[in-house]
């Protein structure tokens, strides 16, 4: 999501009293890509070993490469191997409101990308290929302009889960839409808690992980919850303090060679000089 829609409505003092982390922080790496217009990275996919990566910009582009990691397992470097624009189904470059890519998921060799603005999920045979249109349920049409599909995750059987940034009311749970057998439905909701809004999602080892963030004038606060695939068995996996990290929007779950459950986040700098694009690593167990 682009920063223009984030508002600080609660007292900063209350936000600063964040609970202690429920996970072990490994480190952060600030990435400074050197091409014109780089930034705004809002989605992340990682290979199973936590090194191969794909990142999407909400300005309508993709980057593919490999991450280096230090002795602790935190990202220490970024090698870009390919990059390019996301395409319209007609083969042209996306433009205007079409470009706001917010989430990515992979099933086999197929990529699925969720967008805000024109709320939709598109299917790509390759990142540089023109996508196929997918069914768009009527519920997508009623999503808020800059608070639409923010999270997309894929289960190993190919089922997709899509979640909007906002639910429409602070006391209303977030709807979770599911795509399987060519049809969208909305089988469950996820409890909305306080000021946190949805930023991303992943499915890992039978659980749905939900990345959320809160914003105040002095920075961001991040939380990661997980659920079973019916929306039940809610667990708090981690929660940062206010200002500890930048605007974390992308995430990927994986296991390292020691068998530890890992999460890597990617921050969206909103193409602003005072923000940073950073990879952030935690061990969850």
C-alpha atoms as a PDB file:
ATOM      1  CA  UNK A   1       0.000   0.000   0.000  1.00  0.00           C
ATOM      2  CA  UNK A   2       1.217   3.516  -0.781  1.00  0.00           C
ATOM      3  CA  UNK A   3       1.884   5.710   2.219  1.00  0.00           C
ATOM      4  CA  UNK A   4      -0.610   8.426   1.319  1.00  0.00           C
ATOM      5  CA  UNK A   5      -3.482   6.427   2.807  1.00  0.00           C
ATOM      6  CA  UNK A   6      -1.836   5.677   6.167  1.00  0.00           C
ATOM      7  CA  UNK A   7      -3.031   7.877   9.025  1.00  0.00           C
ATOM      8  CA  UNK A   8      -1.891   8.351  12.601  1.00  0.00           C
ATOM      9  CA  UNK A   9      -5.073   8.485  14.596  1.00  0.00           C
ATOM     10  CA  UNK A  10      -4.035   7.132  17.992  1.00  0.00           C
ATOM     11  CA  UNK A  11      -1.741   8.516  20.637  1.00  0.00           C
ATOM     12  CA  UNK A  12       1.931   7.798  19.963  1.00  0.00           C
ATOM     13  CA  UNK A  13       2.514   7.147  23.632  1.00  0.00           C
ATOM     14  CA  UNK A  14       0.025   4.297  23.568  1.00  0.00           C
ATOM     15  CA  UNK A  15       1.624   2.778  20.486  1.00  0.00           C
ATOM     16  CA  UNK A  16       5.094   2.952  21.974  1.00  0.00           C
ATOM     17  CA  UNK A  17       4.030   0.628  24.773  1.00  0.00           C
ATOM     18  CA  UNK A  18       4.279  -2.379  22.453  1.00  0.00           C
ATOM     19  CA  UNK A  19       4.562  -5.887  23.875  1.00  0.00           C
ATOM     20  CA  UNK A  20       7.856  -7.728  23.828  1.00  0.00           C
ATOM     21  CA  UNK A  21       8.862  -9.673  20.743  1.00  0.00           C
ATOM     22  CA  UNK A  22       7.652 -13.242  20.495  1.00  0.00           C
ATOM     23  CA  UNK A  23      10.471 -14.233  18.094  1.00  0.00           C
ATOM     24  CA  UNK A  24      14.252 -13.888  17.794  1.00  0.00           C
ATOM     25  CA  UNK A  25      15.454 -10.999  15.639  1.00  0.00           C
ATOM     26  CA  UNK A  26      18.488 -11.914  13.487  1.00  0.00           C
ATOM     27  CA  UNK A  27      19.230  -8.706  11.621  1.00  0.00           C
ATOM     28  CA  UNK A  28      18.328  -6.217   8.896  1.00  0.00           C
ATOM     29  CA  UNK A  29      19.956  -5.307   5.589  1.00  0.00           C
ATOM     30  CA  UNK A  30      19.279  -2.026   3.794  1.00  0.00           C
ATOM     31  CA  UNK A  31      19.065  -2.591   0.041  1.00  0.00           C
ATOM     32  CA  UNK A  32      19.948   0.330  -2.241  1.00  0.00           C
ATOM     33  CA  UNK A  33      19.123  -0.712  -5.814  1.00  0.00           C
ATOM     34  CA  UNK A  34      20.924   1.553  -8.266  1.00  0.00           C
ATOM     35  CA  UNK A  35      18.489   2.014 -11.150  1.00  0.00           C
ATOM     36  CA  UNK A  36      16.148   4.953 -11.715  1.00  0.00           C
ATOM     37  CA  UNK A  37      12.748   4.549 -10.072  1.00  0.00           C
ATOM     38  CA  UNK A  38      13.765   1.583  -7.911  1.00  0.00           C
ATOM     39  CA  UNK A  39      11.762   1.162  -4.720  1.00  0.00           C
ATOM     40  CA  UNK A  40       8.208   0.714  -3.563  1.00  0.00           C
ATOM     41  CA  UNK A  41       8.750  -3.022  -3.052  1.00  0.00           C
ATOM     42  CA  UNK A  42       5.522  -4.402  -1.627  1.00  0.00           C
ATOM     43  CA  UNK A  43       5.733  -8.170  -2.147  1.00  0.00           C
ATOM     44  CA  UNK A  44       8.312 -10.922  -1.624  1.00  0.00           C
ATOM     45  CA  UNK A  45       8.706 -14.551  -2.676  1.00  0.00           C
ATOM     46  CA  UNK A  46      11.605 -16.723  -1.468  1.00  0.00           C
ATOM     47  CA  UNK A  47      12.808 -20.115  -2.593  1.00  0.00           C
ATOM     48  CA  UNK A  48      12.818 -22.946  -0.029  1.00  0.00           C
ATOM     49  CA  UNK A  49      16.425 -22.248   1.036  1.00  0.00           C
ATOM     50  CA  UNK A  50      15.806 -18.541   1.654  1.00  0.00           C
ATOM     51  CA  UNK A  51      18.157 -17.302  -1.083  1.00  0.00           C
ATOM     52  CA  UNK A  52      16.369 -17.116  -4.451  1.00  0.00           C
ATOM     53  CA  UNK A  53      13.944 -14.193  -4.356  1.00  0.00           C
ATOM     54  CA  UNK A  54      11.381 -12.248  -6.350  1.00  0.00           C
ATOM     55  CA  UNK A  55      10.223  -8.792  -5.277  1.00  0.00           C
ATOM     56  CA  UNK A  56       7.402  -6.714  -6.752  1.00  0.00           C
ATOM     57  CA  UNK A  57       7.159  -2.939  -6.790  1.00  0.00           C
ATOM     58  CA  UNK A  58       3.778  -1.268  -6.447  1.00  0.00           C
ATOM     59  CA  UNK A  59       4.860   0.873  -9.401  1.00  0.00           C
ATOM     60  CA  UNK A  60       4.372  -2.149 -11.651  1.00  0.00           C
ATOM     61  CA  UNK A  61       7.699  -3.975 -11.918  1.00  0.00           C
ATOM     62  CA  UNK A  62       9.466  -7.134 -10.756  1.00  0.00           C
ATOM     63  CA  UNK A  63      13.013  -8.036  -9.670  1.00  0.00           C
ATOM     64  CA  UNK A  64      14.529 -11.499  -9.474  1.00  0.00           C
ATOM     65  CA  UNK A  65      17.830 -12.419  -7.840  1.00  0.00           C
ATOM     66  CA  UNK A  66      19.666 -14.089  -4.999  1.00  0.00           C
ATOM     67  CA  UNK A  67      20.278 -13.106  -1.380  1.00  0.00           C
ATOM     68  CA  UNK A  68      23.538 -13.539   0.515  1.00  0.00           C
ATOM     69  CA  UNK A  69      23.310 -14.333   4.221  1.00  0.00           C
ATOM     70  CA  UNK A  70      25.741 -13.831   7.096  1.00  0.00           C
ATOM     71  CA  UNK A  71      26.796 -16.373   9.720  1.00  0.00           C
ATOM     72  CA  UNK A  72      23.665 -15.685  11.766  1.00  0.00           C
ATOM     73  CA  UNK A  73      21.463 -16.300   8.734  1.00  0.00           C
ATOM     74  CA  UNK A  74      20.363 -12.694   8.142  1.00  0.00           C
ATOM     75  CA  UNK A  75      20.404 -11.140   4.675  1.00  0.00           C
ATOM     76  CA  UNK A  76      23.750  -9.434   4.024  1.00  0.00           C
ATOM     77  CA  UNK A  77      23.652  -8.736   0.277  1.00  0.00           C
ATOM     78  CA  UNK A  78      21.402  -8.678  -2.787  1.00  0.00           C
ATOM     79  CA  UNK A  79      22.362  -9.815  -6.291  1.00  0.00           C
ATOM     80  CA  UNK A  80      19.870  -8.748  -8.967  1.00  0.00           C
ATOM     81  CA  UNK A  81      19.770 -11.237 -11.840  1.00  0.00           C
ATOM     82  CA  UNK A  82      16.813  -9.935 -13.856  1.00  0.00           C
ATOM     83  CA  UNK A  83      14.153  -7.243 -13.699  1.00  0.00           C
ATOM     84  CA  UNK A  84      11.390  -5.841 -15.840  1.00  0.00           C
ATOM     85  CA  UNK A  85       7.884  -4.385 -16.029  1.00  0.00           C
ATOM     86  CA  UNK A  86       4.696  -6.235 -15.224  1.00  0.00           C
ATOM     87  CA  UNK A  87       2.523  -6.609 -18.294  1.00  0.00           C
ATOM     88  CA  UNK A  88      -1.140  -6.188 -19.133  1.00  0.00           C
ATOM     89  CA  UNK A  89      -3.028  -9.180 -20.538  1.00  0.00           C
ATOM     90  CA  UNK A  90      -2.643  -7.555 -23.987  1.00  0.00           C
ATOM     91  CA  UNK A  91       1.156  -7.567 -23.648  1.00  0.00           C
ATOM     92  CA  UNK A  92       1.705  -3.848 -23.069  1.00  0.00           C
ATOM     93  CA  UNK A  93       3.191  -2.375 -19.893  1.00  0.00           C
ATOM     94  CA  UNK A  94       0.841  -1.603 -17.037  1.00  0.00           C
ATOM     95  CA  UNK A  95       0.039   2.068 -16.518  1.00  0.00           C
ATOM     96  CA  UNK A  96      -1.736   4.340 -14.063  1.00  0.00           C
ATOM     97  CA  UNK A  97      -3.965   2.582 -11.526  1.00  0.00           C
ATOM     98  CA  UNK A  98      -3.131  -0.770 -13.147  1.00  0.00           C
ATOM     99  CA  UNK A  99       0.383  -0.871 -11.671  1.00  0.00           C
ATOM    100  CA  UNK A 100      -0.276  -1.241  -7.921  1.00  0.00           C
ATOM    101  CA  UNK A 101       1.016  -4.800  -7.375  1.00  0.00           C
ATOM    102  CA  UNK A 102       0.790  -5.707  -3.683  1.00  0.00           C
ATOM    103  CA  UNK A 103       1.246  -9.473  -3.318  1.00  0.00           C
ATOM    104  CA  UNK A 104       2.739 -12.499  -5.056  1.00  0.00           C
ATOM    105  CA  UNK A 105       2.327 -16.271  -4.749  1.00  0.00           C
ATOM    106  CA  UNK A 106       3.724 -19.194  -6.724  1.00  0.00           C
ATOM    107  CA  UNK A 107       2.194 -22.561  -7.607  1.00  0.00           C
ATOM    108  CA  UNK A 108       4.617 -24.764  -9.542  1.00  0.00           C
ATOM    109  CA  UNK A 109       5.956 -22.578 -12.349  1.00  0.00           C
ATOM    110  CA  UNK A 110       2.965 -20.220 -12.295  1.00  0.00           C
ATOM    111  CA  UNK A 111       2.950 -16.825 -10.599  1.00  0.00           C
ATOM    112  CA  UNK A 112      -0.134 -15.146  -9.155  1.00  0.00           C
ATOM    113  CA  UNK A 113      -0.084 -11.399  -8.494  1.00  0.00           C
ATOM    114  CA  UNK A 114      -2.675  -9.383  -6.556  1.00  0.00           C
ATOM    115  CA  UNK A 115      -3.315  -5.699  -7.257  1.00  0.00           C
ATOM    116  CA  UNK A 116      -4.959  -2.735  -5.578  1.00  0.00           C
ATOM    117  CA  UNK A 117      -6.524   0.152  -7.501  1.00  0.00           C
ATOM    118  CA  UNK A 118      -8.135  -2.151 -10.026  1.00  0.00           C
ATOM    119  CA  UNK A 119      -8.659  -4.980  -7.543  1.00  0.00           C
ATOM    120  CA  UNK A 120      -7.743  -8.264  -9.197  1.00  0.00           C
ATOM    121  CA  UNK A 121      -5.512 -11.344  -9.203  1.00  0.00           C
ATOM    122  CA  UNK A 122      -3.632 -12.167 -12.416  1.00  0.00           C
ATOM    123  CA  UNK A 123      -1.950 -15.430 -13.459  1.00  0.00           C
ATOM    124  CA  UNK A 124       1.495 -15.306 -15.140  1.00  0.00           C
ATOM    125  CA  UNK A 125       3.271 -18.246 -16.771  1.00  0.00           C
ATOM    126  CA  UNK A 126       6.477 -16.225 -16.274  1.00  0.00           C
ATOM    127  CA  UNK A 127       7.203 -12.886 -14.653  1.00  0.00           C
ATOM    128  CA  UNK A 128       7.929 -11.287 -18.028  1.00  0.00           C
ATOM    129  CA  UNK A 129       4.885 -12.834 -19.719  1.00  0.00           C
ATOM    130  CA  UNK A 130       1.488 -11.302 -20.409  1.00  0.00           C
ATOM    131  CA  UNK A 131      -0.899 -12.668 -17.751  1.00  0.00           C
ATOM    132  CA  UNK A 132      -4.136 -14.564 -18.048  1.00  0.00           C
ATOM    133  CA  UNK A 133      -7.248 -12.972 -16.611  1.00  0.00           C
ATOM    134  CA  UNK A 134      -8.807 -14.733 -13.637  1.00  0.00           C
ATOM    135  CA  UNK A 135     -12.406 -14.608 -12.426  1.00  0.00           C
ATOM    136  CA  UNK A 136     -13.100 -11.514 -10.328  1.00  0.00           C
ATOM    137  CA  UNK A 137     -15.790 -11.910  -7.665  1.00  0.00           C
ATOM    138  CA  UNK A 138     -18.288  -9.112  -7.152  1.00  0.00           C
ATOM    139  CA  UNK A 139     -16.931  -8.572  -3.629  1.00  0.00           C
ATOM    140  CA  UNK A 140     -13.637  -7.285  -5.074  1.00  0.00           C
ATOM    141  CA  UNK A 141     -15.496  -4.403  -6.728  1.00  0.00           C
ATOM    142  CA  UNK A 142     -16.580  -3.042  -3.343  1.00  0.00           C
ATOM    143  CA  UNK A 143     -13.083  -2.814  -1.864  1.00  0.00           C
ATOM    144  CA  UNK A 144     -11.714   0.592  -0.874  1.00  0.00           C
ATOM    145  CA  UNK A 145      -9.609   2.278  -3.558  1.00  0.00           C
ATOM    146  CA  UNK A 146      -6.235   2.158  -1.814  1.00  0.00           C
ATOM    147  CA  UNK A 147      -7.060  -0.552   0.704  1.00  0.00           C
ATOM    148  CA  UNK A 148      -7.884  -3.503  -1.502  1.00  0.00           C
ATOM    149  CA  UNK A 149      -6.094  -6.811  -2.066  1.00  0.00           C
ATOM    150  CA  UNK A 150      -2.964  -6.520   0.055  1.00  0.00           C
ATOM    151  CA  UNK A 151      -2.185 -10.189   0.744  1.00  0.00           C
ATOM    152  CA  UNK A 152      -2.074 -13.323  -1.394  1.00  0.00           C
ATOM    153  CA  UNK A 153      -0.845 -16.777  -0.389  1.00  0.00           C
ATOM    154  CA  UNK A 154      -0.811 -20.195  -2.042  1.00  0.00           C
ATOM    155  CA  UNK A 155      -1.154 -23.612  -0.428  1.00  0.00           C
ATOM    156  CA  UNK A 156       0.805 -26.560  -1.889  1.00  0.00           C
ATOM    157  CA  UNK A 157      -2.368 -27.895  -3.562  1.00  0.00           C
ATOM    158  CA  UNK A 158      -2.736 -24.633  -5.515  1.00  0.00           C
ATOM    159  CA  UNK A 159      -5.469 -23.074  -3.395  1.00  0.00           C
ATOM    160  CA  UNK A 160      -5.090 -19.289  -3.181  1.00  0.00           C
ATOM    161  CA  UNK A 161      -6.014 -17.079  -0.223  1.00  0.00           C
ATOM    162  CA  UNK A 162      -6.537 -13.325  -0.752  1.00  0.00           C
ATOM    163  CA  UNK A 163      -7.087 -10.756   2.008  1.00  0.00           C
ATOM    164  CA  UNK A 164      -7.765  -6.995   1.770  1.00  0.00           C
ATOM    165  CA  UNK A 165      -5.871  -4.388   3.744  1.00  0.00           C
ATOM    166  CA  UNK A 166      -8.990  -3.119   5.502  1.00  0.00           C
ATOM    167  CA  UNK A 167     -12.280  -4.706   6.500  1.00  0.00           C
ATOM    168  CA  UNK A 168     -14.410  -1.564   6.256  1.00  0.00           C
ATOM    169  CA  UNK A 169     -14.888  -1.123   9.996  1.00  0.00           C
ATOM    170  CA  UNK A 170     -12.587  -1.463  12.991  1.00  0.00           C
ATOM    171  CA  UNK A 171     -14.873  -4.015  14.682  1.00  0.00           C
ATOM    172  CA  UNK A 172     -15.342  -6.114  11.526  1.00  0.00           C
ATOM    173  CA  UNK A 173     -13.010  -9.080  10.825  1.00  0.00           C
ATOM    174  CA  UNK A 174     -10.938  -9.260   7.664  1.00  0.00           C
ATOM    175  CA  UNK A 175     -12.571 -11.380   4.933  1.00  0.00           C
ATOM    176  CA  UNK A 176     -10.420 -14.147   3.478  1.00  0.00           C
ATOM    177  CA  UNK A 177     -11.278 -15.177  -0.080  1.00  0.00           C
ATOM    178  CA  UNK A 178     -10.256 -18.579  -1.392  1.00  0.00           C
ATOM    179  CA  UNK A 179      -9.695 -19.610  -5.021  1.00  0.00           C
ATOM    180  CA  UNK A 180      -9.824 -23.304  -5.888  1.00  0.00           C
ATOM    181  CA  UNK A 181     -11.227 -25.360  -8.750  1.00  0.00           C
ATOM    182  CA  UNK A 182     -11.642 -22.151 -10.738  1.00  0.00           C
ATOM    183  CA  UNK A 183     -14.021 -20.504  -8.266  1.00  0.00           C
ATOM    184  CA  UNK A 184     -13.683 -17.824  -5.569  1.00  0.00           C
ATOM    185  CA  UNK A 185     -15.506 -18.145  -2.261  1.00  0.00           C
ATOM    186  CA  UNK A 186     -15.154 -16.569   1.177  1.00  0.00           C
ATOM    187  CA  UNK A 187     -15.046 -19.456   3.673  1.00  0.00           C
ATOM    188  CA  UNK A 188     -13.849 -17.589   6.771  1.00  0.00           C
ATOM    189  CA  UNK A 189     -12.727 -14.309   8.310  1.00  0.00           C
ATOM    190  CA  UNK A 190      -9.704 -13.327  10.405  1.00  0.00           C
ATOM    191  CA  UNK A 191     -10.122 -11.407  13.623  1.00  0.00           C
ATOM    192  CA  UNK A 192      -9.266  -7.714  13.345  1.00  0.00           C
ATOM    193  CA  UNK A 193      -7.450  -6.385  16.381  1.00  0.00           C
ATOM    194  CA  UNK A 194      -6.968  -2.704  17.126  1.00  0.00           C
ATOM    195  CA  UNK A 195      -5.295  -0.451  14.582  1.00  0.00           C
ATOM    196  CA  UNK A 196      -3.358  -3.146  12.748  1.00  0.00           C
ATOM    197  CA  UNK A 197      -4.038  -3.449   8.993  1.00  0.00           C
ATOM    198  CA  UNK A 198      -3.147  -6.304   6.631  1.00  0.00           C
ATOM    199  CA  UNK A 199       0.203  -6.027   4.806  1.00  0.00           C
ATOM    200  CA  UNK A 200       0.912  -9.536   3.464  1.00  0.00           C
ATOM    201  CA  UNK A 201       0.383 -13.280   3.848  1.00  0.00           C
ATOM    202  CA  UNK A 202       2.005 -16.652   3.273  1.00  0.00           C
ATOM    203  CA  UNK A 203       0.963 -20.285   3.667  1.00  0.00           C
ATOM    204  CA  UNK A 204       3.616 -22.476   5.269  1.00  0.00           C
ATOM    205  CA  UNK A 205       3.354 -26.007   6.650  1.00  0.00           C
ATOM    206  CA  UNK A 206      -0.432 -25.936   6.811  1.00  0.00           C
ATOM    207  CA  UNK A 207      -0.853 -22.506   8.415  1.00  0.00           C
ATOM    208  CA  UNK A 208      -1.819 -19.096   7.080  1.00  0.00           C
ATOM    209  CA  UNK A 209       0.571 -16.356   8.228  1.00  0.00           C
ATOM    210  CA  UNK A 210      -0.792 -12.805   8.298  1.00  0.00           C
ATOM    211  CA  UNK A 211       1.583  -9.822   8.293  1.00  0.00           C
ATOM    212  CA  UNK A 212       0.049  -6.672   9.758  1.00  0.00           C
ATOM    213  CA  UNK A 213       1.357  -3.170  10.369  1.00  0.00           C
ATOM    214  CA  UNK A 214       0.345  -0.077  12.284  1.00  0.00           C
ATOM    215  CA  UNK A 215       1.520   3.450  11.537  1.00  0.00           C
ATOM    216  CA  UNK A 216       2.096   6.494  13.723  1.00  0.00           C
ATOM    217  CA  UNK A 217       3.829   9.784  13.035  1.00  0.00           C
ATOM    218  CA  UNK A 218       7.159   8.415  14.245  1.00  0.00           C
ATOM    219  CA  UNK A 219       7.143   5.061  12.485  1.00  0.00           C
ATOM    220  CA  UNK A 220       5.688   1.613  11.971  1.00  0.00           C
ATOM    221  CA  UNK A 221       4.885  -1.322  14.191  1.00  0.00           C
ATOM    222  CA  UNK A 222       4.710  -4.849  12.762  1.00  0.00           C
ATOM    223  CA  UNK A 223       2.889  -7.971  13.863  1.00  0.00           C
ATOM    224  CA  UNK A 224       2.779 -11.536  12.517  1.00  0.00           C
ATOM    225  CA  UNK A 225      -0.105 -13.845  13.396  1.00  0.00           C
ATOM    226  CA  UNK A 226      -0.840 -17.352  12.113  1.00  0.00           C
ATOM    227  CA  UNK A 227      -4.050 -19.361  11.718  1.00  0.00           C
ATOM    228  CA  UNK A 228      -5.093 -22.785  10.571  1.00  0.00           C
ATOM    229  CA  UNK A 229      -6.618 -22.915   7.090  1.00  0.00           C
ATOM    230  CA  UNK A 230     -10.128 -22.444   8.452  1.00  0.00           C
ATOM    231  CA  UNK A 231      -9.216 -19.163  10.164  1.00  0.00           C
ATOM    232  CA  UNK A 232      -9.024 -20.745  13.623  1.00  0.00           C
ATOM    233  CA  UNK A 233      -6.235 -21.498  16.117  1.00  0.00           C
ATOM    234  CA  UNK A 234      -4.895 -17.923  16.097  1.00  0.00           C
ATOM    235  CA  UNK A 235      -1.291 -17.558  17.305  1.00  0.00           C
ATOM    236  CA  UNK A 236       0.875 -14.473  17.800  1.00  0.00           C
ATOM    237  CA  UNK A 237       4.219 -15.226  16.123  1.00  0.00           C
ATOM    238  CA  UNK A 238       6.030 -11.893  16.535  1.00  0.00           C
ATOM    239  CA  UNK A 239       5.401  -8.228  17.263  1.00  0.00           C
ATOM    240  CA  UNK A 240       7.902  -5.404  16.872  1.00  0.00           C
ATOM    241  CA  UNK A 241       8.227  -2.213  18.832  1.00  0.00           C
ATOM    242  CA  UNK A 242       7.234   1.108  17.282  1.00  0.00           C
ATOM    243  CA  UNK A 243       9.887   2.331  14.834  1.00  0.00           C
ATOM    244  CA  UNK A 244      12.010  -0.822  15.067  1.00  0.00           C
ATOM    245  CA  UNK A 245      11.581  -1.561  11.358  1.00  0.00           C
ATOM    246  CA  UNK A 246      10.398   0.351   8.332  1.00  0.00           C
ATOM    247  CA  UNK A 247       7.181  -0.352   6.401  1.00  0.00           C
ATOM    248  CA  UNK A 248       7.302  -4.178   6.214  1.00  0.00           C
ATOM    249  CA  UNK A 249       4.952  -5.383   3.459  1.00  0.00           C
ATOM    250  CA  UNK A 250       6.468  -8.526   1.952  1.00  0.00           C
ATOM    251  CA  UNK A 251       7.103 -11.789   3.781  1.00  0.00           C
ATOM    252  CA  UNK A 252       8.171 -15.362   3.151  1.00  0.00           C
ATOM    253  CA  UNK A 253       8.325 -18.342   5.538  1.00  0.00           C
ATOM    254  CA  UNK A 254      10.989 -21.053   5.172  1.00  0.00           C
ATOM    255  CA  UNK A 255      13.199 -23.453   7.158  1.00  0.00           C
ATOM    256  CA  UNK A 256      16.960 -23.101   7.353  1.00  0.00           C
ATOM    257  CA  UNK A 257      19.538 -25.908   7.360  1.00  0.00           C
ATOM    258  CA  UNK A 258      19.258 -26.123  11.151  1.00  0.00           C
ATOM    259  CA  UNK A 259      15.534 -26.827  10.828  1.00  0.00           C
ATOM    260  CA  UNK A 260      14.500 -23.498  12.319  1.00  0.00           C
ATOM    261  CA  UNK A 261      11.262 -21.872  11.191  1.00  0.00           C
ATOM    262  CA  UNK A 262      12.266 -18.584   9.587  1.00  0.00           C
ATOM    263  CA  UNK A 263      10.538 -15.488   8.266  1.00  0.00           C
ATOM    264  CA  UNK A 264      12.093 -12.865   6.009  1.00  0.00           C
ATOM    265  CA  UNK A 265      10.351  -9.520   5.547  1.00  0.00           C
ATOM    266  CA  UNK A 266      10.815  -6.801   2.922  1.00  0.00           C
ATOM    267  CA  UNK A 267      10.068  -3.117   3.579  1.00  0.00           C
ATOM    268  CA  UNK A 268       8.408  -0.734   1.113  1.00  0.00           C
ATOM    269  CA  UNK A 269      10.226   2.626   1.145  1.00  0.00           C
ATOM    270  CA  UNK A 270       7.364   4.361  -0.721  1.00  0.00           C
ATOM    271  CA  UNK A 271      10.134   5.983  -2.821  1.00  0.00           C
ATOM    272  CA  UNK A 272      10.731   8.438   0.031  1.00  0.00           C
ATOM    273  CA  UNK A 273      14.187   9.582   1.121  1.00  0.00           C
ATOM    274  CA  UNK A 274      13.408   9.214   4.825  1.00  0.00           C
ATOM    275  CA  UNK A 275      12.414   5.561   4.435  1.00  0.00           C
ATOM    276  CA  UNK A 276      14.479   2.540   3.467  1.00  0.00           C
ATOM    277  CA  UNK A 277      14.143  -0.701   1.564  1.00  0.00           C
ATOM    278  CA  UNK A 278      15.240  -3.359   4.040  1.00  0.00           C
ATOM    279  CA  UNK A 279      15.243  -7.119   4.414  1.00  0.00           C
ATOM    280  CA  UNK A 280      14.492  -8.192   7.997  1.00  0.00           C
ATOM    281  CA  UNK A 281      15.026 -11.705   9.392  1.00  0.00           C
ATOM    282  CA  UNK A 282      13.516 -13.494  12.382  1.00  0.00           C
ATOM    283  CA  UNK A 283      13.598 -17.015  13.786  1.00  0.00           C
ATOM    284  CA  UNK A 284      10.144 -18.092  14.939  1.00  0.00           C
ATOM    285  CA  UNK A 285      11.275 -21.297  16.686  1.00  0.00           C
END
